[in-house]
N, C-alpha and C. Protein backbone atom coordinates (compact mmCIF):
# COMPACT_ATOMS: atom_id res chain seq x y z
N UNK A 1 40.48 277.19 -3.35
CA UNK A 1 41.37 276.08 -3.57
C UNK A 1 42.80 276.61 -3.75
N UNK A 2 43.75 276.02 -3.06
CA UNK A 2 45.15 276.41 -3.18
C UNK A 2 45.91 275.31 -3.91
N UNK A 3 46.66 275.72 -4.92
CA UNK A 3 47.46 274.78 -5.68
C UNK A 3 48.93 275.09 -5.44
N UNK A 4 49.74 274.07 -5.19
CA UNK A 4 51.17 274.27 -5.02
C UNK A 4 51.91 273.59 -6.17
N UNK A 5 53.09 274.09 -6.45
CA UNK A 5 53.92 273.52 -7.51
C UNK A 5 54.39 272.13 -7.10
N UNK A 6 54.31 271.20 -8.00
CA UNK A 6 54.73 269.82 -7.72
C UNK A 6 56.15 269.55 -8.21
N UNK A 7 56.65 270.38 -9.12
CA UNK A 7 57.99 270.14 -9.67
C UNK A 7 59.06 270.60 -8.69
N UNK A 8 60.30 270.09 -8.83
CA UNK A 8 61.39 270.53 -7.97
C UNK A 8 61.68 272.01 -8.18
N UNK A 9 61.91 272.73 -7.09
CA UNK A 9 62.21 274.16 -7.13
C UNK A 9 63.51 274.40 -6.36
N UNK A 10 64.42 275.16 -6.96
CA UNK A 10 65.67 275.51 -6.32
C UNK A 10 65.57 276.95 -5.82
N UNK A 11 65.62 277.14 -4.50
CA UNK A 11 65.52 278.47 -3.89
C UNK A 11 66.93 278.93 -3.54
N UNK A 12 67.39 279.99 -4.19
CA UNK A 12 68.75 280.49 -3.99
C UNK A 12 68.68 281.85 -3.30
N UNK A 13 69.36 281.96 -2.17
CA UNK A 13 69.38 283.22 -1.43
C UNK A 13 70.79 283.65 -1.11
N UNK A 14 71.01 284.94 -1.03
CA UNK A 14 72.31 285.48 -0.66
C UNK A 14 72.49 285.47 0.85
N UNK A 15 73.68 285.11 1.31
CA UNK A 15 73.98 285.02 2.74
C UNK A 15 73.65 286.32 3.49
N UNK A 16 73.88 287.47 2.85
CA UNK A 16 73.66 288.77 3.49
C UNK A 16 72.29 289.34 3.19
N UNK A 17 71.44 288.55 2.57
CA UNK A 17 70.10 289.00 2.23
C UNK A 17 69.11 288.00 2.82
N UNK A 18 68.30 287.37 1.98
CA UNK A 18 67.30 286.40 2.43
C UNK A 18 67.91 285.10 2.93
N UNK A 19 69.04 284.69 2.37
CA UNK A 19 69.69 283.45 2.78
C UNK A 19 68.73 282.27 2.71
N UNK A 20 68.71 281.46 3.75
CA UNK A 20 67.85 280.27 3.80
C UNK A 20 66.37 280.63 3.91
N UNK A 21 66.07 281.87 4.28
CA UNK A 21 64.68 282.30 4.37
C UNK A 21 64.00 282.25 3.01
N UNK A 22 64.79 282.39 1.94
CA UNK A 22 64.24 282.30 0.59
C UNK A 22 63.45 281.00 0.41
N UNK A 23 64.01 279.89 0.88
CA UNK A 23 63.34 278.60 0.75
C UNK A 23 62.05 278.55 1.58
N UNK A 24 62.08 279.16 2.76
CA UNK A 24 60.87 279.18 3.58
C UNK A 24 59.72 279.88 2.87
N UNK A 25 60.04 280.97 2.20
CA UNK A 25 59.03 281.72 1.45
C UNK A 25 58.51 280.89 0.28
N UNK A 26 59.44 280.28 -0.47
CA UNK A 26 59.06 279.49 -1.64
C UNK A 26 58.20 278.29 -1.25
N UNK A 27 58.42 277.74 -0.06
CA UNK A 27 57.64 276.57 0.37
C UNK A 27 56.16 276.88 0.54
N UNK A 28 55.80 278.15 0.52
CA UNK A 28 54.38 278.51 0.51
C UNK A 28 53.73 278.20 -0.83
N UNK A 29 54.55 278.07 -1.87
CA UNK A 29 54.01 277.83 -3.22
C UNK A 29 54.48 276.52 -3.83
N UNK A 30 55.40 275.81 -3.19
CA UNK A 30 55.94 274.57 -3.74
C UNK A 30 56.21 273.58 -2.63
N UNK A 31 56.15 272.29 -2.94
CA UNK A 31 56.36 271.26 -1.93
C UNK A 31 57.74 270.62 -2.00
N UNK A 32 58.40 270.68 -3.15
CA UNK A 32 59.71 270.04 -3.34
C UNK A 32 60.76 271.13 -3.55
N UNK A 33 61.24 271.71 -2.44
CA UNK A 33 62.14 272.86 -2.49
C UNK A 33 63.51 272.49 -1.93
N UNK A 34 64.57 272.87 -2.65
CA UNK A 34 65.94 272.73 -2.16
C UNK A 34 66.49 274.13 -1.95
N UNK A 35 67.09 274.36 -0.76
CA UNK A 35 67.64 275.67 -0.42
C UNK A 35 69.13 275.70 -0.67
N UNK A 36 69.61 276.78 -1.30
CA UNK A 36 71.04 277.02 -1.47
C UNK A 36 71.30 278.46 -1.07
N UNK A 37 72.35 278.67 -0.26
CA UNK A 37 72.74 280.01 0.17
C UNK A 37 74.09 280.33 -0.46
N UNK A 38 74.17 281.45 -1.17
CA UNK A 38 75.43 281.90 -1.78
C UNK A 38 76.19 282.75 -0.76
N UNK A 39 77.38 282.29 -0.38
CA UNK A 39 78.19 282.97 0.64
C UNK A 39 78.63 284.36 0.18
N UNK A 40 78.74 285.26 1.14
CA UNK A 40 79.24 286.62 0.91
C UNK A 40 78.49 287.36 -0.18
N UNK A 41 77.21 287.13 -0.28
CA UNK A 41 76.40 287.79 -1.29
C UNK A 41 75.13 288.34 -0.66
N UNK A 42 74.63 289.41 -1.26
CA UNK A 42 73.38 290.00 -0.82
C UNK A 42 72.28 289.68 -1.82
N UNK A 43 71.57 290.70 -2.24
CA UNK A 43 70.42 290.54 -3.13
C UNK A 43 70.84 290.24 -4.58
N UNK A 44 71.92 290.82 -5.04
CA UNK A 44 72.34 290.69 -6.44
C UNK A 44 73.42 289.61 -6.56
N UNK A 45 73.00 288.36 -6.49
CA UNK A 45 73.90 287.21 -6.42
C UNK A 45 74.95 287.17 -7.52
N UNK A 46 74.53 287.22 -8.75
CA UNK A 46 75.46 287.08 -9.88
C UNK A 46 76.40 288.28 -10.00
N UNK A 47 75.93 289.47 -9.65
CA UNK A 47 76.78 290.64 -9.72
C UNK A 47 77.80 290.66 -8.58
N UNK A 48 77.38 290.19 -7.41
CA UNK A 48 78.24 290.24 -6.23
C UNK A 48 79.21 289.06 -6.15
N UNK A 49 78.79 287.91 -6.59
CA UNK A 49 79.62 286.69 -6.51
C UNK A 49 79.55 285.92 -7.83
N UNK A 50 80.02 286.49 -8.92
CA UNK A 50 79.86 285.84 -10.23
C UNK A 50 80.58 284.50 -10.34
N UNK A 51 81.64 284.27 -9.58
CA UNK A 51 82.37 282.99 -9.66
C UNK A 51 81.96 282.01 -8.58
N UNK A 52 81.16 282.46 -7.63
CA UNK A 52 80.80 281.62 -6.49
C UNK A 52 79.34 281.19 -6.51
N UNK A 53 78.86 280.78 -7.63
CA UNK A 53 77.46 280.37 -7.67
C UNK A 53 77.34 278.85 -7.84
N UNK A 54 78.12 278.13 -7.06
CA UNK A 54 78.05 276.66 -6.97
C UNK A 54 78.46 275.96 -8.24
N UNK A 55 79.37 276.50 -8.99
CA UNK A 55 79.82 275.85 -10.21
C UNK A 55 80.56 276.81 -11.10
N UNK A 56 81.19 276.30 -12.14
CA UNK A 56 81.94 277.15 -13.07
C UNK A 56 81.04 278.14 -13.78
N UNK A 57 79.96 277.65 -14.35
CA UNK A 57 79.06 278.55 -15.07
C UNK A 57 77.59 278.28 -14.78
N UNK A 58 77.29 277.16 -14.15
CA UNK A 58 75.90 276.81 -13.82
C UNK A 58 75.86 276.08 -12.49
N UNK A 59 74.72 276.09 -11.86
CA UNK A 59 74.56 275.29 -10.66
C UNK A 59 74.66 273.82 -11.01
N UNK A 60 75.22 273.02 -10.13
CA UNK A 60 75.29 271.59 -10.41
C UNK A 60 73.89 270.99 -10.42
N UNK A 61 73.78 269.76 -10.85
CA UNK A 61 72.48 269.09 -10.86
C UNK A 61 71.84 269.07 -9.50
N UNK A 62 70.56 269.10 -9.48
CA UNK A 62 69.79 269.12 -8.24
C UNK A 62 70.20 267.99 -7.29
N UNK A 63 70.54 266.82 -7.82
CA UNK A 63 70.89 265.68 -6.98
C UNK A 63 72.18 265.89 -6.20
N UNK A 64 73.03 266.83 -6.61
CA UNK A 64 74.29 267.05 -5.91
C UNK A 64 74.17 268.08 -4.80
N UNK A 65 73.03 268.75 -4.70
CA UNK A 65 72.85 269.79 -3.68
C UNK A 65 72.24 269.20 -2.42
N UNK A 66 72.69 269.65 -1.29
CA UNK A 66 72.12 269.25 -0.02
C UNK A 66 71.39 270.45 0.57
N UNK A 67 70.30 270.20 1.24
CA UNK A 67 69.51 271.25 1.85
C UNK A 67 70.39 272.15 2.70
N UNK A 68 70.28 273.46 2.51
CA UNK A 68 71.02 274.43 3.30
C UNK A 68 72.47 274.62 2.88
N UNK A 69 72.84 274.12 1.71
CA UNK A 69 74.22 274.25 1.23
C UNK A 69 74.67 275.70 1.25
N UNK A 70 75.87 275.94 1.77
CA UNK A 70 76.47 277.27 1.74
C UNK A 70 77.59 277.22 0.73
N UNK A 71 77.36 277.78 -0.44
CA UNK A 71 78.34 277.70 -1.53
C UNK A 71 79.51 278.62 -1.25
N UNK A 72 80.70 278.16 -1.53
CA UNK A 72 81.91 278.96 -1.37
C UNK A 72 82.74 278.86 -2.63
């Protein structure tokens, strides 16, 4: 029996790393996935782009994100 997560999941990938592929991988374990790609970032998102993570200090609410958003 395979169980998938029913809660909303935010998949964040770096443009120079997994990017949108992060969401494809997460969709193997969850059904409600939103993909966000952080521009000009690789694997270490917060270290590489500390000010460019879709907000001043936190990601905005899930309702404000659109699938495939490229944060700048």
